[in-house]
């Protein structure tokens, strides 16, 4: 019975030490970064790097598609004009 009491006391001491370490750990790490610091850090990183949003990508793709359509229509009109002029000479 005495062995169990000694082991229980040892476990209680270890438990108190762990609780103390946990409190100390929480105190140390709670001061490092809070939610606002993380947001500020992410905002700073995003402003430093030139990332493109989905809307910007879609806008660029739409502009490229419009230029492609204009080029195709222009080329078609030019080909039609060349064919019409060749037919007139024949």
PDB file of N, CA and C in Angstrom:
ATOM      1  N   UNK A   1       0.814  -1.188   0.000  1.00  0.00           N
ATOM      2  CA  UNK A   1       0.000   0.000   0.000  1.00  0.00           C
ATOM      3  C   UNK A   1       0.862   1.259   0.000  1.00  0.00           C
ATOM      4  N   UNK A   2       1.951   1.185   0.705  1.00  0.00           N
ATOM      5  CA  UNK A   2       2.838   2.332   0.802  1.00  0.00           C
ATOM      6  C   UNK A   2       3.465   2.648  -0.560  1.00  0.00           C
ATOM      7  N   UNK A   3       3.733   1.632  -1.381  1.00  0.00           N
ATOM      8  CA  UNK A   3       4.285   1.840  -2.713  1.00  0.00           C
ATOM      9  C   UNK A   3       3.333   2.671  -3.563  1.00  0.00           C
ATOM     10  N   UNK A   4       2.057   2.358  -3.473  1.00  0.00           N
ATOM     11  CA  UNK A   4       1.053   3.088  -4.250  1.00  0.00           C
ATOM     12  C   UNK A   4       0.972   4.549  -3.828  1.00  0.00           C
ATOM     13  N   UNK A   5       1.085   4.776  -2.542  1.00  0.00           N
ATOM     14  CA  UNK A   5       1.038   6.159  -2.045  1.00  0.00           C
ATOM     15  C   UNK A   5       2.243   6.952  -2.549  1.00  0.00           C
ATOM     16  N   UNK A   6       3.400   6.329  -2.576  1.00  0.00           N
ATOM     17  CA  UNK A   6       4.607   6.987  -3.066  1.00  0.00           C
ATOM     18  C   UNK A   6       4.464   7.283  -4.550  1.00  0.00           C
ATOM     19  N   UNK A   7       3.951   6.322  -5.303  1.00  0.00           N
ATOM     20  CA  UNK A   7       3.763   6.517  -6.744  1.00  0.00           C
ATOM     21  C   UNK A   7       2.716   7.592  -7.009  1.00  0.00           C
ATOM     22  N   UNK A   8       1.667   7.621  -6.210  1.00  0.00           N
ATOM     23  CA  UNK A   8       0.631   8.652  -6.364  1.00  0.00           C
ATOM     24  C   UNK A   8       1.224  10.026  -6.099  1.00  0.00           C
ATOM     25  N   UNK A   9       2.046  10.160  -5.066  1.00  0.00           N
ATOM     26  CA  UNK A   9       2.678  11.440  -4.755  1.00  0.00           C
ATOM     27  C   UNK A   9       3.621  11.861  -5.887  1.00  0.00           C
ATOM     28  N   UNK A  10       4.387  10.886  -6.410  1.00  0.00           N
ATOM     29  CA  UNK A  10       5.278  11.202  -7.523  1.00  0.00           C
ATOM     30  C   UNK A  10       4.476  11.678  -8.740  1.00  0.00           C
ATOM     31  N   UNK A  11       3.379  11.004  -9.007  1.00  0.00           N
ATOM     32  CA  UNK A  11       2.534  11.407 -10.124  1.00  0.00           C
ATOM     33  C   UNK A  11       1.922  12.786  -9.890  1.00  0.00           C
ATOM     34  N   UNK A  12       1.535  13.091  -8.675  1.00  0.00           N
ATOM     35  CA  UNK A  12       0.991  14.410  -8.359  1.00  0.00           C
ATOM     36  C   UNK A  12       2.048  15.494  -8.580  1.00  0.00           C
ATOM     37  N   UNK A  13       3.283  15.206  -8.171  1.00  0.00           N
ATOM     38  CA  UNK A  13       4.376  16.163  -8.363  1.00  0.00           C
ATOM     39  C   UNK A  13       4.627  16.381  -9.854  1.00  0.00           C
ATOM     40  N   UNK A  14       4.666  15.289 -10.622  1.00  0.00           N
ATOM     41  CA  UNK A  14       4.871  15.411 -12.071  1.00  0.00           C
ATOM     42  C   UNK A  14       3.730  16.180 -12.728  1.00  0.00           C
ATOM     43  N   UNK A  15       2.514  15.936 -12.262  1.00  0.00           N
ATOM     44  CA  UNK A  15       1.353  16.635 -12.798  1.00  0.00           C
ATOM     45  C   UNK A  15       1.453  18.135 -12.517  1.00  0.00           C
ATOM     46  N   UNK A  16       1.852  18.509 -11.319  1.00  0.00           N
ATOM     47  CA  UNK A  16       2.020  19.924 -10.986  1.00  0.00           C
ATOM     48  C   UNK A  16       3.118  20.556 -11.836  1.00  0.00           C
ATOM     49  N   UNK A  17       4.211  19.833 -12.052  1.00  0.00           N
ATOM     50  CA  UNK A  17       5.290  20.349 -12.889  1.00  0.00           C
ATOM     51  C   UNK A  17       4.805  20.568 -14.321  1.00  0.00           C
ATOM     52  N   UNK A  18       4.047  19.609 -14.832  1.00  0.00           N
ATOM     53  CA  UNK A  18       3.518  19.744 -16.188  1.00  0.00           C
ATOM     54  C   UNK A  18       2.539  20.909 -16.297  1.00  0.00           C
ATOM     55  N   UNK A  19       1.706  21.077 -15.297  1.00  0.00           N
ATOM     56  CA  UNK A  19       0.775  22.212 -15.312  1.00  0.00           C
ATOM     57  C   UNK A  19       1.534  23.532 -15.293  1.00  0.00           C
ATOM     58  N   UNK A  20       2.585  23.602 -14.485  1.00  0.00           N
ATOM     59  CA  UNK A  20       3.412  24.811 -14.427  1.00  0.00           C
ATOM     60  C   UNK A  20       4.087  25.069 -15.774  1.00  0.00           C
ATOM     61  N   UNK A  21       4.618  24.027 -16.393  1.00  0.00           N
ATOM     62  CA  UNK A  21       5.258  24.183 -17.702  1.00  0.00           C
ATOM     63  C   UNK A  21       4.246  24.623 -18.752  1.00  0.00           C
ATOM     64  N   UNK A  22       3.051  24.087 -18.684  1.00  0.00           N
ATOM     65  CA  UNK A  22       2.004  24.461 -19.625  1.00  0.00           C
ATOM     66  C   UNK A  22       1.626  25.932 -19.474  1.00  0.00           C
ATOM     67  N   UNK A  23       1.492  26.395 -18.247  1.00  0.00           N
ATOM     68  CA  UNK A  23       1.187  27.810 -18.020  1.00  0.00           C
ATOM     69  C   UNK A  23       2.307  28.697 -18.546  1.00  0.00           C
ATOM     70  N   UNK A  24       3.536  28.298 -18.283  1.00  0.00           N
ATOM     71  CA  UNK A  24       4.693  29.058 -18.756  1.00  0.00           C
ATOM     72  C   UNK A  24       4.758  29.054 -20.282  1.00  0.00           C
ATOM     73  N   UNK A  25       4.481  27.928 -20.876  1.00  0.00           N
ATOM     74  CA  UNK A  25       4.470  27.796 -22.331  1.00  0.00           C
ATOM     75  C   UNK A  25       3.414  28.699 -22.959  1.00  0.00           C
ATOM     76  N   UNK A  26       2.217  28.718 -22.398  1.00  0.00           N
ATOM     77  CA  UNK A  26       1.140  29.567 -22.914  1.00  0.00           C
ATOM     78  C   UNK A  26       1.501  31.043 -22.783  1.00  0.00           C
ATOM     79  N   UNK A  27       2.147  31.433 -21.676  1.00  0.00           N
ATOM     80  CA  UNK A  27       2.545  32.827 -21.490  1.00  0.00           C
ATOM     81  C   UNK A  27       3.569  33.247 -22.548  1.00  0.00           C
ATOM     82  N   UNK A  28       4.504  32.379 -22.834  1.00  0.00           N
ATOM     83  CA  UNK A  28       5.551  32.710 -23.807  1.00  0.00           C
ATOM     84  C   UNK A  28       4.965  32.861 -25.199  1.00  0.00           C
ATOM     85  N   UNK A  29       4.136  31.927 -25.603  1.00  0.00           N
ATOM     86  CA  UNK A  29       3.658  31.912 -26.978  1.00  0.00           C
ATOM     87  C   UNK A  29       2.444  32.801 -27.220  1.00  0.00           C
ATOM     88  N   UNK A  30       1.775  33.218 -26.215  1.00  0.00           N
ATOM     89  CA  UNK A  30       0.629  34.093 -26.429  1.00  0.00           C
ATOM     90  C   UNK A  30       1.079  35.488 -26.842  1.00  0.00           C
ATOM     91  N   UNK A  31       2.266  35.889 -26.475  1.00  0.00           N
ATOM     92  CA  UNK A  31       2.764  37.216 -26.822  1.00  0.00           C
ATOM     93  C   UNK A  31       3.404  37.298 -28.195  1.00  0.00           C
ATOM     94  N   UNK A  32       3.654  36.170 -28.828  1.00  0.00           N
ATOM     95  CA  UNK A  32       4.363  36.190 -30.103  1.00  0.00           C
ATOM     96  C   UNK A  32       3.514  36.752 -31.230  1.00  0.00           C
ATOM     97  N   UNK A  33       2.452  36.087 -31.560  1.00  0.00           N
ATOM     98  CA  UNK A  33       1.607  36.529 -32.662  1.00  0.00           C
ATOM     99  C   UNK A  33       0.142  36.430 -32.247  1.00  0.00           C
ATOM    100  N   UNK A  34      -0.559  37.507 -32.430  1.00  0.00           N
ATOM    101  CA  UNK A  34      -1.997  37.408 -32.267  1.00  0.00           C
ATOM    102  C   UNK A  34      -2.623  37.495 -33.654  1.00  0.00           C
ATOM    103  N   UNK A  35      -3.921  37.454 -33.726  1.00  0.00           N
ATOM    104  CA  UNK A  35      -4.619  37.381 -35.013  1.00  0.00           C
ATOM    105  C   UNK A  35      -4.340  38.605 -35.883  1.00  0.00           C
ATOM    106  N   UNK A  36      -4.281  39.783 -35.300  1.00  0.00           N
ATOM    107  CA  UNK A  36      -4.026  40.997 -36.073  1.00  0.00           C
ATOM    108  C   UNK A  36      -2.619  41.002 -36.655  1.00  0.00           C
ATOM    109  N   UNK A  37      -1.665  40.475 -35.912  1.00  0.00           N
ATOM    110  CA  UNK A  37      -0.300  40.397 -36.426  1.00  0.00           C
ATOM    111  C   UNK A  37      -0.232  39.489 -37.647  1.00  0.00           C
ATOM    112  N   UNK A  38      -0.953  38.384 -37.598  1.00  0.00           N
ATOM    113  CA  UNK A  38      -0.957  37.453 -38.724  1.00  0.00           C
ATOM    114  C   UNK A  38      -1.581  38.120 -39.945  1.00  0.00           C
ATOM    115  N   UNK A  39      -2.682  38.805 -39.755  1.00  0.00           N
ATOM    116  CA  UNK A  39      -3.330  39.498 -40.873  1.00  0.00           C
ATOM    117  C   UNK A  39      -2.412  40.569 -41.452  1.00  0.00           C
ATOM    118  N   UNK A  40      -1.757  41.318 -40.594  1.00  0.00           N
ATOM    119  CA  UNK A  40      -0.841  42.357 -41.065  1.00  0.00           C
ATOM    120  C   UNK A  40       0.316  41.738 -41.837  1.00  0.00           C
ATOM    121  N   UNK A  41       0.815  40.622 -41.358  1.00  0.00           N
ATOM    122  CA  UNK A  41       1.911  39.940 -42.037  1.00  0.00           C
ATOM    123  C   UNK A  41       1.471  39.438 -43.414  1.00  0.00           C
ATOM    124  N   UNK A  42       0.299  38.846 -43.493  1.00  0.00           N
ATOM    125  CA  UNK A  42      -0.215  38.353 -44.775  1.00  0.00           C
ATOM    126  C   UNK A  42      -0.447  39.520 -45.728  1.00  0.00           C
ATOM    127  N   UNK A  43      -1.028  40.604 -45.242  1.00  0.00           N
ATOM    128  CA  UNK A  43      -1.243  41.781 -46.089  1.00  0.00           C
ATOM    129  C   UNK A  43       0.079  42.329 -46.616  1.00  0.00           C
ATOM    130  N   UNK A  44       1.073  42.389 -45.760  1.00  0.00           N
ATOM    131  CA  UNK A  44       2.378  42.904 -46.194  1.00  0.00           C
ATOM    132  C   UNK A  44       3.002  42.003 -47.254  1.00  0.00           C
ATOM    133  N   UNK A  45       2.904  40.712 -47.056  1.00  0.00           N
ATOM    134  CA  UNK A  45       3.470  39.777 -48.029  1.00  0.00           C
ATOM    135  C   UNK A  45       2.750  39.907 -49.369  1.00  0.00           C
ATOM    136  N   UNK A  46       1.427  40.028 -49.323  1.00  0.00           N
ATOM    137  CA  UNK A  46       0.661  40.138 -50.561  1.00  0.00           C
ATOM    138  C   UNK A  46       0.940  41.442 -51.290  1.00  0.00           C
ATOM    139  N   UNK A  47       1.206  42.518 -50.551  1.00  0.00           N
ATOM    140  CA  UNK A  47       1.514  43.776 -51.225  1.00  0.00           C
ATOM    141  C   UNK A  47       2.932  43.782 -51.779  1.00  0.00           C
ATOM    142  N   UNK A  48       3.848  43.082 -51.122  1.00  0.00           N
ATOM    143  CA  UNK A  48       5.218  43.016 -51.617  1.00  0.00           C
ATOM    144  C   UNK A  48       5.309  42.154 -52.868  1.00  0.00           C
ATOM    145  N   UNK A  49       4.591  41.068 -52.871  1.00  0.00           N
ATOM    146  CA  UNK A  49       4.594  40.171 -54.028  1.00  0.00           C
ATOM    147  C   UNK A  49       3.494  40.622 -54.970  1.00  0.00           C
ATOM    148  N   UNK A  50       3.693  40.417 -56.249  1.00  0.00           N
ATOM    149  CA  UNK A  50       2.696  40.824 -57.220  1.00  0.00           C
ATOM    150  C   UNK A  50       1.859  39.617 -57.613  1.00  0.00           C
ATOM    151  N   UNK A  51       0.932  39.268 -56.752  1.00  0.00           N
ATOM    152  CA  UNK A  51       0.035  38.160 -57.036  1.00  0.00           C
ATOM    153  C   UNK A  51      -1.140  38.661 -57.850  1.00  0.00           C
ATOM    154  N   UNK A  52      -1.694  37.786 -58.668  1.00  0.00           N
ATOM    155  CA  UNK A  52      -2.806  38.142 -59.532  1.00  0.00           C
ATOM    156  C   UNK A  52      -4.054  37.466 -58.997  1.00  0.00           C
ATOM    157  N   UNK A  53      -5.135  38.236 -58.929  1.00  0.00           N
ATOM    158  CA  UNK A  53      -6.385  37.667 -58.465  1.00  0.00           C
ATOM    159  C   UNK A  53      -7.114  37.002 -59.626  1.00  0.00           C
ATOM    160  N   UNK A  54      -8.124  36.247 -59.314  1.00  0.00           N
ATOM    161  CA  UNK A  54      -8.889  35.536 -60.329  1.00  0.00           C
ATOM    162  C   UNK A  54      -9.569  36.521 -61.279  1.00  0.00           C
ATOM    163  N   UNK A  55     -10.057  37.645 -60.755  1.00  0.00           N
ATOM    164  CA  UNK A  55     -10.717  38.644 -61.601  1.00  0.00           C
ATOM    165  C   UNK A  55      -9.746  39.241 -62.610  1.00  0.00           C
ATOM    166  N   UNK A  56      -8.527  39.505 -62.193  1.00  0.00           N
ATOM    167  CA  UNK A  56      -7.526  40.079 -63.095  1.00  0.00           C
ATOM    168  C   UNK A  56      -7.191  39.084 -64.207  1.00  0.00           C
ATOM    169  N   UNK A  57      -7.049  37.821 -63.842  1.00  0.00           N
ATOM    170  CA  UNK A  57      -6.761  36.792 -64.841  1.00  0.00           C
ATOM    171  C   UNK A  57      -7.896  36.707 -65.852  1.00  0.00           C
ATOM    172  N   UNK A  58      -9.146  36.703 -65.363  1.00  0.00           N
ATOM    173  CA  UNK A  58     -10.292  36.651 -66.268  1.00  0.00           C
ATOM    174  C   UNK A  58     -10.329  37.873 -67.174  1.00  0.00           C
ATOM    175  N   UNK A  59      -9.997  39.034 -66.651  1.00  0.00           N
ATOM    176  CA  UNK A  59      -9.968  40.259 -67.452  1.00  0.00           C
ATOM    177  C   UNK A  59      -8.920  40.162 -68.557  1.00  0.00           C
ATOM    178  N   UNK A  60      -7.740  39.668 -68.226  1.00  0.00           N
ATOM    179  CA  UNK A  60      -6.674  39.521 -69.216  1.00  0.00           C
ATOM    180  C   UNK A  60      -7.086  38.520 -70.295  1.00  0.00           C
ATOM    181  N   UNK A  61      -7.707  37.427 -69.895  1.00  0.00           N
ATOM    182  CA  UNK A  61      -8.151  36.421 -70.863  1.00  0.00           C
ATOM    183  C   UNK A  61      -9.217  37.002 -71.780  1.00  0.00           C
ATOM    184  N   UNK A  62     -10.153  37.764 -71.216  1.00  0.00           N
ATOM    185  CA  UNK A  62     -11.194  38.380 -72.041  1.00  0.00           C
ATOM    186  C   UNK A  62     -10.601  39.367 -73.035  1.00  0.00           C
ATOM    187  N   UNK A  63      -9.646  40.159 -72.622  1.00  0.00           N
ATOM    188  CA  UNK A  63      -8.986  41.103 -73.529  1.00  0.00           C
ATOM    189  C   UNK A  63      -8.256  40.357 -74.649  1.00  0.00           C
ATOM    190  N   UNK A  64      -7.582  39.273 -74.305  1.00  0.00           N
ATOM    191  CA  UNK A  64      -6.870  38.486 -75.313  1.00  0.00           C
ATOM    192  C   UNK A  64      -7.847  37.864 -76.304  1.00  0.00           C
ATOM    193  N   UNK A  65      -8.969  37.359 -75.794  1.00  0.00           N
ATOM    194  CA  UNK A  65      -9.976  36.786 -76.685  1.00  0.00           C
ATOM    195  C   UNK A  65     -10.544  37.841 -77.623  1.00  0.00           C
ATOM    196  N   UNK A  66     -10.794  39.033 -77.123  1.00  0.00           N
ATOM    197  CA  UNK A  66     -11.312  40.121 -77.953  1.00  0.00           C
ATOM    198  C   UNK A  66     -10.303  40.493 -79.045  1.00  0.00           C
ATOM    199  N   UNK A  67      -9.025  40.580 -78.688  1.00  0.00           N
ATOM    200  CA  UNK A  67      -7.999  40.882 -79.685  1.00  0.00           C
ATOM    201  C   UNK A  67      -7.913  39.787 -80.743  1.00  0.00           C
ATOM    202  N   UNK A  68      -8.059  38.533 -80.323  1.00  0.00           N
ATOM    203  CA  UNK A  68      -8.023  37.416 -81.256  1.00  0.00           C
ATOM    204  C   UNK A  68      -9.197  37.485 -82.232  1.00  0.00           C
ATOM    205  N   UNK A  69     -10.387  37.792 -81.714  1.00  0.00           N
ATOM    206  CA  UNK A  69     -11.568  37.915 -82.577  1.00  0.00           C
ATOM    207  C   UNK A  69     -11.371  39.063 -83.565  1.00  0.00           C
ATOM    208  N   UNK A  70     -10.853  40.190 -83.101  1.00  0.00           N
ATOM    209  CA  UNK A  70     -10.602  41.322 -83.998  1.00  0.00           C
ATOM    210  C   UNK A  70      -9.603  40.940 -85.084  1.00  0.00           C
ATOM    211  N   UNK A  71      -8.556  40.238 -84.722  1.00  0.00           N
ATOM    212  CA  UNK A  71      -7.539  39.829 -85.691  1.00  0.00           C
ATOM    213  C   UNK A  71      -8.144  38.886 -86.719  1.00  0.00           C
ATOM    214  N   UNK A  72      -8.969  37.920 -86.267  1.00  0.00           N
ATOM    215  CA  UNK A  72      -9.596  36.968 -87.189  1.00  0.00           C
ATOM    216  C   UNK A  72     -10.540  37.685 -88.144  1.00  0.00           C
ATOM    217  N   UNK A  73     -11.363  38.605 -87.639  1.00  0.00           N
ATOM    218  CA  UNK A  73     -12.285  39.365 -88.493  1.00  0.00           C
ATOM    219  C   UNK A  73     -11.500  40.221 -89.479  1.00  0.00           C
ATOM    220  N   UNK A  74     -10.468  40.884 -89.012  1.00  0.00           N
ATOM    221  CA  UNK A  74      -9.638  41.710 -89.891  1.00  0.00           C
ATOM    222  C   UNK A  74      -8.976  40.889 -90.976  1.00  0.00           C
ATOM    223  N   UNK A  75      -8.449  39.735 -90.609  1.00  0.00           N
ATOM    224  CA  UNK A  75      -7.817  38.857 -91.582  1.00  0.00           C
ATOM    225  C   UNK A  75      -8.844  38.358 -92.597  1.00  0.00           C
ATOM    226  N   UNK A  76     -10.036  38.011 -92.118  1.00  0.00           N
ATOM    227  CA  UNK A  76     -11.105  37.560 -93.019  1.00  0.00           C
ATOM    228  C   UNK A  76     -11.491  38.641 -94.010  1.00  0.00           C
ATOM    229  N   UNK A  77     -11.626  39.881 -93.534  1.00  0.00           N
ATOM    230  CA  UNK A  77     -11.970  40.997 -94.426  1.00  0.00           C
ATOM    231  C   UNK A  77     -10.845  41.214 -95.443  1.00  0.00           C
ATOM    232  N   UNK A  78      -9.609  41.146 -95.012  1.00  0.00           N
ATOM    233  CA  UNK A  78      -8.468  41.331 -95.922  1.00  0.00           C
ATOM    234  C   UNK A  78      -8.441  40.242 -96.992  1.00  0.00           C
ATOM    235  N   UNK A  79      -8.659  39.009 -96.578  1.00  0.00           N
ATOM    236  CA  UNK A  79      -8.669  37.897 -97.540  1.00  0.00           C
ATOM    237  C   UNK A  79      -9.810  38.081 -98.528  1.00  0.00           C
ATOM    238  N   UNK A  80     -10.981  38.475 -98.025  1.00  0.00           N
ATOM    239  CA  UNK A  80     -12.120  38.701 -98.915  1.00  0.00           C
ATOM    240  C   UNK A  80     -11.819  39.827 -99.902  1.00  0.00           C
ATOM    241  N   UNK A  81     -11.170  40.873 -99.460  1.00  0.00           N
ATOM    242  CA  UNK A  81     -10.817  41.979-100.355  1.00  0.00           C
ATOM    243  C   UNK A  81      -9.812  41.536-101.409  1.00  0.00           C
ATOM    244  N   UNK A  82      -8.836  40.735-101.017  1.00  0.00           N
ATOM    245  CA  UNK A  82      -7.844  40.237-101.970  1.00  0.00           C
ATOM    246  C   UNK A  82      -8.516  39.334-103.008  1.00  0.00           C
ATOM    247  N   UNK A  83      -9.396  38.451-102.538  1.00  0.00           N
ATOM    248  CA  UNK A  83     -10.105  37.556-103.453  1.00  0.00           C
ATOM    249  C   UNK A  83     -10.979  38.361-104.392  1.00  0.00           C
ATOM    250  N   UNK A  84     -11.689  39.365-103.890  1.00  0.00           N
ATOM    251  CA  UNK A  84     -12.546  40.212-104.737  1.00  0.00           C
ATOM    252  C   UNK A  84     -11.707  40.951-105.767  1.00  0.00           C
ATOM    253  N   UNK A  85     -10.551  41.452-105.406  1.00  0.00           N
ATOM    254  CA  UNK A  85      -9.716  42.180-106.367  1.00  0.00           C
ATOM    255  C   UNK A  85      -9.145  41.225-107.415  1.00  0.00           C
ATOM    256  N   UNK A  86      -8.809  40.011-107.052  1.00  0.00           N
ATOM    257  CA  UNK A  86      -8.311  39.026-108.012  1.00  0.00           C
ATOM    258  C   UNK A  86      -9.417  38.662-108.999  1.00  0.00           C
ATOM    259  N   UNK A  87     -10.651  38.520-108.496  1.00  0.00           N
ATOM    260  CA  UNK A  87     -11.778  38.185-109.371  1.00  0.00           C
ATOM    261  C   UNK A  87     -12.054  39.321-110.331  1.00  0.00           C
ATOM    262  N   UNK A  88     -11.899  40.558-109.930  1.00  0.00           N
ATOM    263  CA  UNK A  88     -12.124  41.714-110.818  1.00  0.00           C
ATOM    264  C   UNK A  88     -11.114  41.738-111.960  1.00  0.00           C
ATOM    265  N   UNK A  89      -9.872  41.335-111.693  1.00  0.00           N
ATOM    266  CA  UNK A  89      -8.841  41.360-112.743  1.00  0.00           C
ATOM    267  C   UNK A  89      -9.012  40.214-113.726  1.00  0.00           C
ATOM    268  N   UNK A  90      -9.682  39.185-113.315  1.00  0.00           N
ATOM    269  CA  UNK A  90      -9.827  38.031-114.206  1.00  0.00           C
ATOM    270  C   UNK A  90     -10.923  38.252-115.182  1.00  0.00           C
TER     271      UNK A  90
END
